Amino acid sequence: MPTFATLAYFYLFPSVTQIANFDIVWRLLFVVVIATVILPLLSVFIMLRFGKISSLYMDDRRERNWPLLQSAIIYAAAFYVLKDKAPVFIPLFILGAISTMVIAMLINLRWKISLHMIGIGGFCGGFSALLLIAEEGNPLYLASAFVLAGVLGTARLVLNAHTPMQILAGFLLGFSLELGLALSIAG
């Protein structure tokens, strides 16, 4: 989701791309993709190869904490690299993702929460904050993100991957944390 949020940030908020050098945008995106997609996936495949997780789906909640912890550490490194080099909302999205991963690990000790919904909820919360703060952008894109969240939540229900409460809790955690974090820093 931080990669998707970064793409949306540069595409949907024209004032950012007007002041950012195109080459810098690609460099920032490269760092975000490596840190939030490539390295966490590599980490999961290594854990799968060495038997630390039984499948990529990690249906057993007890298998989810090591991948979450490793991803949080990788994201923290990305945050450190980007905090002074990127527009404020990019490291903010990553900081929100780190926070939700840590909270999800704690919740996961007792109860399975939807990580997919945490991610899309965080995107919706961050995007909502951007619309409020930047006072630009098209709210129809935000509406589309909420529709996408509904489709994702429905898919997780159809697959019997989560209960409705796990889906709702995941969405609300991601949404409220990203929205609150962005608004507190901006205000």
N, C-alpha and C. Protein backbone atom coordinates (compact mmCIF):
# COMPACT_ATOMS: atom_id res chain seq x y z
N MET A 1 0.80 -1.20 0.00
CA MET A 1 0.00 0.00 0.00
C MET A 1 0.85 1.27 0.00
N PRO A 2 2.00 1.33 0.70
CA PRO A 2 2.79 2.56 0.60
C PRO A 2 3.25 2.85 -0.83
N THR A 3 3.52 1.81 -1.62
CA THR A 3 3.89 2.04 -3.02
C THR A 3 2.71 2.63 -3.78
N PHE A 4 1.55 2.04 -3.59
CA PHE A 4 0.34 2.54 -4.24
C PHE A 4 0.04 3.97 -3.78
N ALA A 5 0.21 4.23 -2.50
CA ALA A 5 -0.03 5.57 -1.95
C ALA A 5 0.95 6.58 -2.53
N THR A 6 2.20 6.18 -2.70
CA THR A 6 3.19 7.08 -3.29
C THR A 6 2.85 7.41 -4.73
N LEU A 7 2.46 6.40 -5.49
CA LEU A 7 2.03 6.64 -6.87
C LEU A 7 0.83 7.58 -6.92
N ALA A 8 -0.13 7.32 -6.07
CA ALA A 8 -1.33 8.17 -6.03
C ALA A 8 -0.97 9.59 -5.63
N TYR A 9 -0.06 9.72 -4.70
CA TYR A 9 0.36 11.05 -4.22
C TYR A 9 0.92 11.88 -5.37
N PHE A 10 1.83 11.28 -6.14
CA PHE A 10 2.43 12.03 -7.23
C PHE A 10 1.47 12.24 -8.40
N TYR A 11 0.58 11.30 -8.61
CA TYR A 11 -0.33 11.41 -9.75
C TYR A 11 -1.54 12.30 -9.45
N LEU A 12 -2.09 12.17 -8.27
CA LEU A 12 -3.37 12.83 -7.97
C LEU A 12 -3.25 14.23 -7.35
N PHE A 13 -2.05 14.60 -6.95
CA PHE A 13 -1.86 15.92 -6.35
C PHE A 13 -0.85 16.69 -7.19
N PRO A 14 -1.34 17.40 -8.20
CA PRO A 14 -0.47 18.04 -9.18
C PRO A 14 0.52 19.04 -8.61
N SER A 15 0.20 19.67 -7.51
CA SER A 15 1.13 20.66 -6.95
C SER A 15 2.44 20.01 -6.54
N VAL A 16 2.40 18.74 -6.18
CA VAL A 16 3.62 18.02 -5.78
C VAL A 16 4.50 17.79 -7.00
N THR A 17 3.92 17.32 -8.08
CA THR A 17 4.72 17.02 -9.26
C THR A 17 5.22 18.28 -9.94
N GLN A 18 4.59 19.40 -9.70
CA GLN A 18 5.07 20.66 -10.28
C GLN A 18 6.36 21.11 -9.63
N ILE A 19 6.52 20.82 -8.35
CA ILE A 19 7.73 21.27 -7.66
C ILE A 19 8.79 20.18 -7.57
N ALA A 20 8.42 18.93 -7.86
CA ALA A 20 9.37 17.82 -7.75
C ALA A 20 10.01 17.53 -9.11
N ASN A 21 11.30 17.33 -9.11
CA ASN A 21 12.03 16.94 -10.30
C ASN A 21 11.62 15.51 -10.67
N PHE A 22 11.35 15.27 -11.95
CA PHE A 22 10.90 13.96 -12.41
C PHE A 22 11.89 12.86 -12.01
N ASP A 23 13.17 13.14 -12.11
CA ASP A 23 14.19 12.16 -11.74
C ASP A 23 14.11 11.83 -10.25
N ILE A 24 13.85 12.83 -9.43
CA ILE A 24 13.73 12.62 -7.98
C ILE A 24 12.51 11.76 -7.67
N VAL A 25 11.41 12.01 -8.38
CA VAL A 25 10.19 11.22 -8.18
C VAL A 25 10.49 9.74 -8.43
N TRP A 26 11.20 9.44 -9.51
CA TRP A 26 11.51 8.03 -9.82
C TRP A 26 12.44 7.42 -8.78
N ARG A 27 13.38 8.20 -8.29
CA ARG A 27 14.29 7.69 -7.25
C ARG A 27 13.52 7.38 -5.97
N LEU A 28 12.63 8.28 -5.59
CA LEU A 28 11.82 8.05 -4.39
C LEU A 28 10.95 6.82 -4.56
N LEU A 29 10.33 6.71 -5.72
CA LEU A 29 9.48 5.55 -5.99
C LEU A 29 10.29 4.26 -5.96
N PHE A 30 11.51 4.30 -6.49
CA PHE A 30 12.38 3.12 -6.48
C PHE A 30 12.65 2.68 -5.04
N VAL A 31 13.00 3.61 -4.17
CA VAL A 31 13.27 3.28 -2.76
C VAL A 31 12.02 2.70 -2.10
N VAL A 32 10.87 3.31 -2.35
CA VAL A 32 9.62 2.82 -1.76
C VAL A 32 9.30 1.41 -2.24
N VAL A 33 9.45 1.14 -3.53
CA VAL A 33 9.15 -0.19 -4.07
C VAL A 33 10.10 -1.24 -3.49
N ILE A 34 11.37 -0.93 -3.44
CA ILE A 34 12.35 -1.88 -2.87
C ILE A 34 12.01 -2.18 -1.41
N ALA A 35 11.73 -1.12 -0.64
CA ALA A 35 11.52 -1.29 0.80
C ALA A 35 10.15 -1.84 1.17
N THR A 36 9.12 -1.58 0.36
CA THR A 36 7.78 -1.99 0.77
C THR A 36 7.21 -3.13 -0.05
N VAL A 37 7.93 -3.54 -1.11
CA VAL A 37 7.45 -4.66 -1.91
C VAL A 37 8.53 -5.74 -2.01
N ILE A 38 9.66 -5.39 -2.61
CA ILE A 38 10.70 -6.39 -2.94
C ILE A 38 11.30 -7.04 -1.69
N LEU A 39 11.81 -6.24 -0.77
CA LEU A 39 12.45 -6.82 0.42
C LEU A 39 11.48 -7.60 1.32
N PRO A 40 10.27 -7.08 1.59
CA PRO A 40 9.34 -7.90 2.38
C PRO A 40 8.96 -9.21 1.69
N LEU A 41 8.77 -9.18 0.37
CA LEU A 41 8.47 -10.43 -0.36
C LEU A 41 9.63 -11.40 -0.28
N LEU A 42 10.83 -10.90 -0.47
CA LEU A 42 12.02 -11.74 -0.36
C LEU A 42 12.11 -12.36 1.03
N SER A 43 11.84 -11.58 2.03
CA SER A 43 11.85 -12.06 3.41
C SER A 43 10.85 -13.19 3.62
N VAL A 44 9.65 -13.03 3.08
CA VAL A 44 8.61 -14.06 3.21
C VAL A 44 9.02 -15.33 2.48
N PHE A 45 9.58 -15.19 1.29
CA PHE A 45 10.01 -16.38 0.55
C PHE A 45 11.15 -17.11 1.27
N ILE A 46 12.03 -16.37 1.90
CA ILE A 46 13.10 -17.01 2.68
C ILE A 46 12.51 -17.76 3.87
N MET A 47 11.54 -17.15 4.56
CA MET A 47 10.90 -17.83 5.69
C MET A 47 10.15 -19.07 5.22
N LEU A 48 9.54 -19.00 4.06
CA LEU A 48 8.84 -20.16 3.50
C LEU A 48 9.84 -21.27 3.17
N ARG A 49 10.95 -20.89 2.56
CA ARG A 49 11.98 -21.85 2.17
C ARG A 49 12.57 -22.58 3.37
N PHE A 50 12.73 -21.88 4.48
CA PHE A 50 13.32 -22.48 5.67
C PHE A 50 12.30 -23.00 6.67
N GLY A 51 11.03 -23.04 6.26
CA GLY A 51 9.99 -23.65 7.08
C GLY A 51 9.49 -22.82 8.26
N LYS A 52 9.79 -21.54 8.26
CA LYS A 52 9.32 -20.68 9.36
C LYS A 52 7.83 -20.34 9.20
N ILE A 53 7.33 -20.40 7.96
CA ILE A 53 5.90 -20.27 7.68
C ILE A 53 5.51 -21.43 6.78
N SER A 54 4.26 -21.86 6.89
CA SER A 54 3.84 -23.05 6.13
C SER A 54 3.34 -22.72 4.73
N SER A 55 2.87 -21.49 4.52
CA SER A 55 2.41 -21.09 3.19
C SER A 55 2.45 -19.57 3.07
N LEU A 56 2.35 -19.09 1.85
CA LEU A 56 2.33 -17.65 1.63
C LEU A 56 1.09 -17.00 2.22
N TYR A 57 0.04 -17.79 2.43
CA TYR A 57 -1.21 -17.24 2.95
C TYR A 57 -1.16 -16.96 4.45
N MET A 58 -0.27 -17.64 5.16
CA MET A 58 -0.12 -17.47 6.61
C MET A 58 -1.48 -17.47 7.31
N ASP A 59 -2.25 -18.52 7.05
CA ASP A 59 -3.58 -18.64 7.64
C ASP A 59 -3.54 -18.73 9.16
N ASP A 60 -2.49 -19.34 9.68
CA ASP A 60 -2.32 -19.44 11.13
C ASP A 60 -1.78 -18.11 11.66
N ARG A 61 -2.53 -17.48 12.54
CA ARG A 61 -2.13 -16.15 13.03
C ARG A 61 -0.76 -16.17 13.69
N ARG A 62 -0.35 -17.32 14.22
CA ARG A 62 0.95 -17.40 14.89
C ARG A 62 2.11 -17.26 13.91
N GLU A 63 1.85 -17.52 12.62
CA GLU A 63 2.91 -17.38 11.61
C GLU A 63 3.07 -15.95 11.11
N ARG A 64 2.21 -15.06 11.48
CA ARG A 64 2.19 -13.72 10.90
C ARG A 64 3.14 -12.74 11.58
N ASN A 65 3.52 -12.97 12.81
CA ASN A 65 4.29 -11.96 13.53
C ASN A 65 5.72 -11.78 13.03
N TRP A 66 6.40 -12.86 12.64
CA TRP A 66 7.76 -12.70 12.12
C TRP A 66 7.78 -11.92 10.81
N PRO A 67 6.92 -12.24 9.85
CA PRO A 67 6.89 -11.42 8.64
C PRO A 67 6.52 -9.96 8.92
N LEU A 68 5.59 -9.75 9.86
CA LEU A 68 5.23 -8.37 10.22
C LEU A 68 6.41 -7.64 10.85
N LEU A 69 7.12 -8.29 11.73
CA LEU A 69 8.26 -7.67 12.39
C LEU A 69 9.36 -7.35 11.38
N GLN A 70 9.66 -8.29 10.50
CA GLN A 70 10.69 -8.03 9.50
C GLN A 70 10.29 -6.90 8.56
N SER A 71 9.02 -6.87 8.17
CA SER A 71 8.55 -5.79 7.30
C SER A 71 8.62 -4.45 8.03
N ALA A 72 8.26 -4.43 9.30
CA ALA A 72 8.33 -3.19 10.08
C ALA A 72 9.76 -2.67 10.16
N ILE A 73 10.71 -3.57 10.31
CA ILE A 73 12.13 -3.17 10.37
C ILE A 73 12.57 -2.60 9.02
N ILE A 74 12.19 -3.27 7.94
CA ILE A 74 12.54 -2.78 6.60
C ILE A 74 11.89 -1.43 6.34
N TYR A 75 10.63 -1.30 6.71
CA TYR A 75 9.92 -0.02 6.54
C TYR A 75 10.59 1.08 7.37
N ALA A 76 11.06 0.73 8.57
CA ALA A 76 11.72 1.71 9.43
C ALA A 76 13.00 2.22 8.75
N ALA A 77 13.73 1.33 8.11
CA ALA A 77 14.92 1.75 7.36
C ALA A 77 14.53 2.68 6.22
N ALA A 78 13.45 2.36 5.52
CA ALA A 78 12.97 3.23 4.43
C ALA A 78 12.55 4.58 4.97
N PHE A 79 11.86 4.58 6.10
CA PHE A 79 11.46 5.85 6.72
C PHE A 79 12.68 6.70 7.01
N TYR A 80 13.71 6.09 7.58
CA TYR A 80 14.92 6.82 7.91
C TYR A 80 15.57 7.42 6.66
N VAL A 81 15.60 6.65 5.57
CA VAL A 81 16.20 7.12 4.32
C VAL A 81 15.38 8.25 3.71
N LEU A 82 14.05 8.15 3.79
CA LEU A 82 13.17 9.09 3.09
C LEU A 82 12.76 10.32 3.90
N LYS A 83 12.92 10.28 5.21
CA LYS A 83 12.33 11.33 6.06
C LYS A 83 12.77 12.74 5.70
N ASP A 84 13.97 12.93 5.23
CA ASP A 84 14.45 14.26 4.87
C ASP A 84 14.56 14.48 3.37
N LYS A 85 14.27 13.44 2.58
CA LYS A 85 14.48 13.54 1.14
C LYS A 85 13.19 13.52 0.32
N ALA A 86 12.08 13.18 0.95
CA ALA A 86 10.82 13.02 0.22
C ALA A 86 9.79 14.02 0.75
N PRO A 87 8.78 14.32 -0.07
CA PRO A 87 7.68 15.14 0.44
C PRO A 87 7.11 14.48 1.70
N VAL A 88 6.69 15.28 2.65
CA VAL A 88 6.34 14.83 3.99
C VAL A 88 5.36 13.66 4.03
N PHE A 89 4.45 13.59 3.08
CA PHE A 89 3.44 12.53 3.17
C PHE A 89 3.97 11.15 2.83
N ILE A 90 5.05 11.04 2.08
CA ILE A 90 5.58 9.71 1.75
C ILE A 90 6.16 9.04 2.99
N PRO A 91 7.08 9.68 3.72
CA PRO A 91 7.53 9.03 4.95
C PRO A 91 6.40 8.87 5.97
N LEU A 92 5.42 9.77 5.91
CA LEU A 92 4.28 9.68 6.81
C LEU A 92 3.46 8.41 6.55
N PHE A 93 3.24 8.09 5.26
CA PHE A 93 2.55 6.84 4.92
C PHE A 93 3.32 5.65 5.47
N ILE A 94 4.64 5.70 5.33
CA ILE A 94 5.48 4.58 5.79
C ILE A 94 5.47 4.50 7.31
N LEU A 95 5.52 5.64 7.98
CA LEU A 95 5.44 5.64 9.44
C LEU A 95 4.10 5.07 9.91
N GLY A 96 3.03 5.43 9.23
CA GLY A 96 1.72 4.87 9.55
C GLY A 96 1.70 3.36 9.36
N ALA A 97 2.33 2.89 8.28
CA ALA A 97 2.38 1.45 8.01
C ALA A 97 3.17 0.72 9.11
N ILE A 98 4.28 1.32 9.54
CA ILE A 98 5.07 0.72 10.62
C ILE A 98 4.21 0.62 11.89
N SER A 99 3.53 1.70 12.20
CA SER A 99 2.69 1.73 13.40
C SER A 99 1.60 0.67 13.35
N THR A 100 0.94 0.55 12.20
CA THR A 100 -0.13 -0.45 12.11
C THR A 100 0.42 -1.87 12.17
N MET A 101 1.63 -2.07 11.64
CA MET A 101 2.23 -3.41 11.72
C MET A 101 2.52 -3.79 13.17
N VAL A 102 3.04 -2.85 13.93
CA VAL A 102 3.34 -3.12 15.33
C VAL A 102 2.05 -3.40 16.11
N ILE A 103 1.03 -2.59 15.88
CA ILE A 103 -0.26 -2.80 16.54
C ILE A 103 -0.87 -4.13 16.10
N ALA A 104 -0.77 -4.44 14.81
CA ALA A 104 -1.30 -5.71 14.30
C ALA A 104 -0.58 -6.89 14.95
N MET A 105 0.74 -6.77 15.18
CA MET A 105 1.47 -7.85 15.85
C MET A 105 0.94 -8.07 17.26
N LEU A 106 0.66 -6.98 17.96
CA LEU A 106 0.14 -7.09 19.33
C LEU A 106 -1.26 -7.71 19.33
N ILE A 107 -2.10 -7.24 18.43
CA ILE A 107 -3.46 -7.80 18.32
C ILE A 107 -3.38 -9.27 17.95
N ASN A 108 -2.46 -9.57 17.05
CA ASN A 108 -2.32 -10.92 16.52
C ASN A 108 -1.90 -11.94 17.58
N LEU A 109 -1.40 -11.49 18.70
CA LEU A 109 -1.06 -12.41 19.78
C LEU A 109 -2.30 -13.13 20.31
N ARG A 110 -3.44 -12.47 20.20
CA ARG A 110 -4.69 -13.04 20.72
C ARG A 110 -5.77 -13.26 19.67
N TRP A 111 -5.71 -12.49 18.58
CA TRP A 111 -6.83 -12.47 17.64
C TRP A 111 -6.32 -12.18 16.25
N LYS A 112 -6.89 -12.80 15.25
CA LYS A 112 -6.49 -12.58 13.87
C LYS A 112 -7.22 -11.36 13.31
N ILE A 113 -6.46 -10.39 12.82
CA ILE A 113 -7.02 -9.18 12.23
C ILE A 113 -6.63 -9.17 10.74
N SER A 114 -7.45 -8.58 9.91
CA SER A 114 -7.18 -8.57 8.47
C SER A 114 -6.09 -7.57 8.12
N LEU A 115 -4.94 -8.09 7.70
CA LEU A 115 -3.84 -7.23 7.29
C LEU A 115 -4.16 -6.54 5.96
N HIS A 116 -4.89 -7.23 5.09
CA HIS A 116 -5.31 -6.60 3.83
C HIS A 116 -6.14 -5.35 4.11
N MET A 117 -7.06 -5.47 5.04
CA MET A 117 -7.94 -4.34 5.34
C MET A 117 -7.21 -3.23 6.09
N ILE A 118 -6.21 -3.60 6.88
CA ILE A 118 -5.38 -2.57 7.52
C ILE A 118 -4.71 -1.74 6.43
N GLY A 119 -4.19 -2.42 5.42
CA GLY A 119 -3.51 -1.72 4.33
C GLY A 119 -4.42 -0.80 3.55
N ILE A 120 -5.55 -1.29 3.10
CA ILE A 120 -6.47 -0.46 2.31
C ILE A 120 -7.12 0.60 3.19
N GLY A 121 -7.36 0.30 4.45
CA GLY A 121 -7.87 1.30 5.38
C GLY A 121 -6.87 2.42 5.58
N GLY A 122 -5.60 2.07 5.69
CA GLY A 122 -4.55 3.08 5.82
C GLY A 122 -4.47 3.95 4.59
N PHE A 123 -4.60 3.33 3.42
CA PHE A 123 -4.59 4.12 2.18
C PHE A 123 -5.75 5.10 2.17
N CYS A 124 -6.94 4.62 2.52
CA CYS A 124 -8.13 5.50 2.54
C CYS A 124 -7.97 6.62 3.56
N GLY A 125 -7.41 6.31 4.72
CA GLY A 125 -7.19 7.33 5.75
C GLY A 125 -6.16 8.36 5.33
N GLY A 126 -5.05 7.90 4.76
CA GLY A 126 -4.03 8.81 4.30
C GLY A 126 -4.52 9.70 3.17
N PHE A 127 -5.27 9.09 2.26
CA PHE A 127 -5.81 9.84 1.12
C PHE A 127 -6.84 10.86 1.61
N SER A 128 -7.65 10.48 2.58
CA SER A 128 -8.62 11.43 3.16
C SER A 128 -7.90 12.62 3.77
N ALA A 129 -6.82 12.35 4.49
CA ALA A 129 -6.05 13.43 5.11
C ALA A 129 -5.46 14.35 4.04
N LEU A 130 -4.94 13.76 2.98
CA LEU A 130 -4.37 14.58 1.91
C LEU A 130 -5.41 15.50 1.30
N LEU A 131 -6.59 14.97 1.07
CA LEU A 131 -7.65 15.81 0.50
C LEU A 131 -8.01 16.95 1.43
N LEU A 132 -8.04 16.68 2.72
CA LEU A 132 -8.37 17.72 3.70
C LEU A 132 -7.26 18.77 3.82
N ILE A 133 -6.03 18.31 3.82
CA ILE A 133 -4.90 19.21 4.06
C ILE A 133 -4.53 19.98 2.79
N ALA A 134 -4.40 19.27 1.68
CA ALA A 134 -3.93 19.90 0.45
C ALA A 134 -5.01 20.74 -0.22
N GLU A 135 -6.25 20.46 0.09
CA GLU A 135 -7.38 21.15 -0.52
C GLU A 135 -7.29 21.11 -2.04
N GLU A 136 -6.82 20.01 -2.56
CA GLU A 136 -6.81 19.77 -3.99
C GLU A 136 -7.02 18.28 -4.20
N GLY A 137 -7.13 17.87 -5.40
CA GLY A 137 -7.37 16.46 -5.68
C GLY A 137 -8.85 16.23 -5.92
N ASN A 138 -9.16 15.08 -6.45
CA ASN A 138 -10.52 14.75 -6.83
C ASN A 138 -11.12 13.77 -5.81
N PRO A 139 -12.19 14.15 -5.13
CA PRO A 139 -12.79 13.26 -4.14
C PRO A 139 -13.36 11.97 -4.75
N LEU A 140 -13.57 11.96 -6.06
CA LEU A 140 -14.05 10.73 -6.70
C LEU A 140 -13.00 9.62 -6.61
N TYR A 141 -11.73 10.00 -6.60
CA TYR A 141 -10.69 8.99 -6.42
C TYR A 141 -10.75 8.39 -5.02
N LEU A 142 -11.05 9.22 -4.04
CA LEU A 142 -11.21 8.72 -2.67
C LEU A 142 -12.41 7.77 -2.60
N ALA A 143 -13.50 8.17 -3.24
CA ALA A 143 -14.69 7.30 -3.28
C ALA A 143 -14.33 5.96 -3.92
N SER A 144 -13.52 6.00 -4.97
CA SER A 144 -13.08 4.76 -5.63
C SER A 144 -12.26 3.90 -4.69
N ALA A 145 -11.43 4.54 -3.87
CA ALA A 145 -10.62 3.79 -2.90
C ALA A 145 -11.52 3.08 -1.88
N PHE A 146 -12.58 3.74 -1.44
CA PHE A 146 -13.52 3.11 -0.51
C PHE A 146 -14.26 1.96 -1.17
N VAL A 147 -14.62 2.12 -2.45
CA VAL A 147 -15.27 1.01 -3.17
C VAL A 147 -14.30 -0.16 -3.28
N LEU A 148 -13.04 0.13 -3.60
CA LEU A 148 -12.02 -0.92 -3.67
C LEU A 148 -11.87 -1.62 -2.32
N ALA A 149 -11.93 -0.85 -1.24
CA ALA A 149 -11.86 -1.44 0.11
C ALA A 149 -13.04 -2.38 0.33
N GLY A 150 -14.22 -1.98 -0.11
CA GLY A 150 -15.39 -2.85 0.02
C GLY A 150 -15.25 -4.13 -0.78
N VAL A 151 -14.71 -4.02 -1.97
CA VAL A 151 -14.48 -5.20 -2.82
C VAL A 151 -13.46 -6.13 -2.15
N LEU A 152 -12.40 -5.55 -1.63
CA LEU A 152 -11.37 -6.35 -0.96
C LEU A 152 -11.94 -7.05 0.28
N GLY A 153 -12.69 -6.30 1.08
CA GLY A 153 -13.30 -6.90 2.26
C GLY A 153 -14.26 -8.03 1.91
N THR A 154 -15.04 -7.82 0.86
CA THR A 154 -15.97 -8.85 0.41
C THR A 154 -15.21 -10.09 -0.06
N ALA A 155 -14.12 -9.87 -0.79
CA ALA A 155 -13.31 -11.00 -1.26
C ALA A 155 -12.75 -11.80 -0.08
N ARG A 156 -12.30 -11.11 0.95
CA ARG A 156 -11.77 -11.81 2.12
C ARG A 156 -12.86 -12.63 2.82
N LEU A 157 -14.09 -12.09 2.81
CA LEU A 157 -15.22 -12.84 3.38
C LEU A 157 -15.56 -14.06 2.54
N VAL A 158 -15.62 -13.87 1.23
CA VAL A 158 -15.96 -14.97 0.32
C VAL A 158 -14.93 -16.09 0.43
N LEU A 159 -13.67 -15.72 0.60
CA LEU A 159 -12.61 -16.72 0.74
C LEU A 159 -12.56 -17.35 2.13
N ASN A 160 -13.45 -16.92 3.03
CA ASN A 160 -13.45 -17.38 4.42
C ASN A 160 -12.11 -17.16 5.11
N ALA A 161 -11.43 -16.08 4.71
CA ALA A 161 -10.13 -15.77 5.30
C ALA A 161 -10.30 -15.04 6.63
N HIS A 162 -11.43 -14.35 6.79
CA HIS A 162 -11.66 -13.55 8.00
C HIS A 162 -13.15 -13.49 8.31
N THR A 163 -13.43 -13.11 9.53
CA THR A 163 -14.81 -12.84 9.94
C THR A 163 -15.11 -11.37 9.61
N PRO A 164 -16.38 -11.01 9.57
CA PRO A 164 -16.70 -9.59 9.34
C PRO A 164 -16.04 -8.66 10.37
N MET A 165 -15.96 -9.08 11.62
CA MET A 165 -15.35 -8.23 12.65
C MET A 165 -13.85 -8.05 12.41
N GLN A 166 -13.16 -9.08 11.97
CA GLN A 166 -11.72 -8.97 11.68
C GLN A 166 -11.48 -8.01 10.51
N ILE A 167 -12.38 -8.03 9.55
CA ILE A 167 -12.28 -7.14 8.39
C ILE A 167 -12.55 -5.70 8.81
N LEU A 168 -13.62 -5.49 9.55
CA LEU A 168 -13.96 -4.14 10.00
C LEU A 168 -12.87 -3.58 10.91
N ALA A 169 -12.39 -4.38 11.83
CA ALA A 169 -11.34 -3.93 12.75
C ALA A 169 -10.07 -3.55 11.99
N GLY A 170 -9.71 -4.34 11.00
CA GLY A 170 -8.53 -4.04 10.19
C GLY A 170 -8.69 -2.72 9.46
N PHE A 171 -9.83 -2.54 8.80
CA PHE A 171 -10.05 -1.29 8.07
C PHE A 171 -10.02 -0.10 9.01
N LEU A 172 -10.72 -0.18 10.12
CA LEU A 172 -10.78 0.95 11.05
C LEU A 172 -9.42 1.27 11.66
N LEU A 173 -8.63 0.24 11.96
CA LEU A 173 -7.29 0.48 12.50
C LEU A 173 -6.44 1.23 11.49
N GLY A 174 -6.37 0.74 10.26
CA GLY A 174 -5.56 1.40 9.23
C GLY A 174 -6.05 2.81 8.94
N PHE A 175 -7.35 2.96 8.78
CA PHE A 175 -7.93 4.26 8.44
C PHE A 175 -7.67 5.29 9.53
N SER A 176 -8.02 4.94 10.77
CA SER A 176 -7.91 5.91 11.86
C SER A 176 -6.46 6.26 12.17
N LEU A 177 -5.57 5.29 12.08
CA LEU A 177 -4.17 5.58 12.39
C LEU A 177 -3.55 6.51 11.35
N GLU A 178 -3.74 6.22 10.07
CA GLU A 178 -3.16 7.07 9.02
C GLU A 178 -3.80 8.46 9.03
N LEU A 179 -5.11 8.52 9.15
CA LEU A 179 -5.80 9.82 9.17
C LEU A 179 -5.35 10.64 10.38
N GLY A 180 -5.35 10.02 11.55
CA GLY A 180 -4.95 10.72 12.76
C GLY A 180 -3.51 11.18 12.72
N LEU A 181 -2.63 10.33 12.23
CA LEU A 181 -1.20 10.68 12.15
C LEU A 181 -0.99 11.86 11.21
N ALA A 182 -1.61 11.81 10.04
CA ALA A 182 -1.45 12.89 9.06
C ALA A 182 -2.03 14.20 9.58
N LEU A 183 -3.21 14.13 10.16
CA LEU A 183 -3.84 15.36 10.65
C LEU A 183 -3.10 15.96 11.84
N SER A 184 -2.53 15.10 12.68
CA SER A 184 -1.79 15.61 13.85
C SER A 184 -0.49 16.28 13.42
N ILE A 185 0.15 15.76 12.40
CA ILE A 185 1.40 16.36 11.94
C ILE A 185 1.13 17.63 11.14
N ALA A 186 0.06 17.62 10.36
CA ALA A 186 -0.28 18.79 9.54
C ALA A 186 -0.83 19.93 10.38
N GLY A 187 -1.49 19.58 11.47
CA GLY A 187 -2.16 20.60 12.28
C GLY A 187 -1.30 21.07 13.36
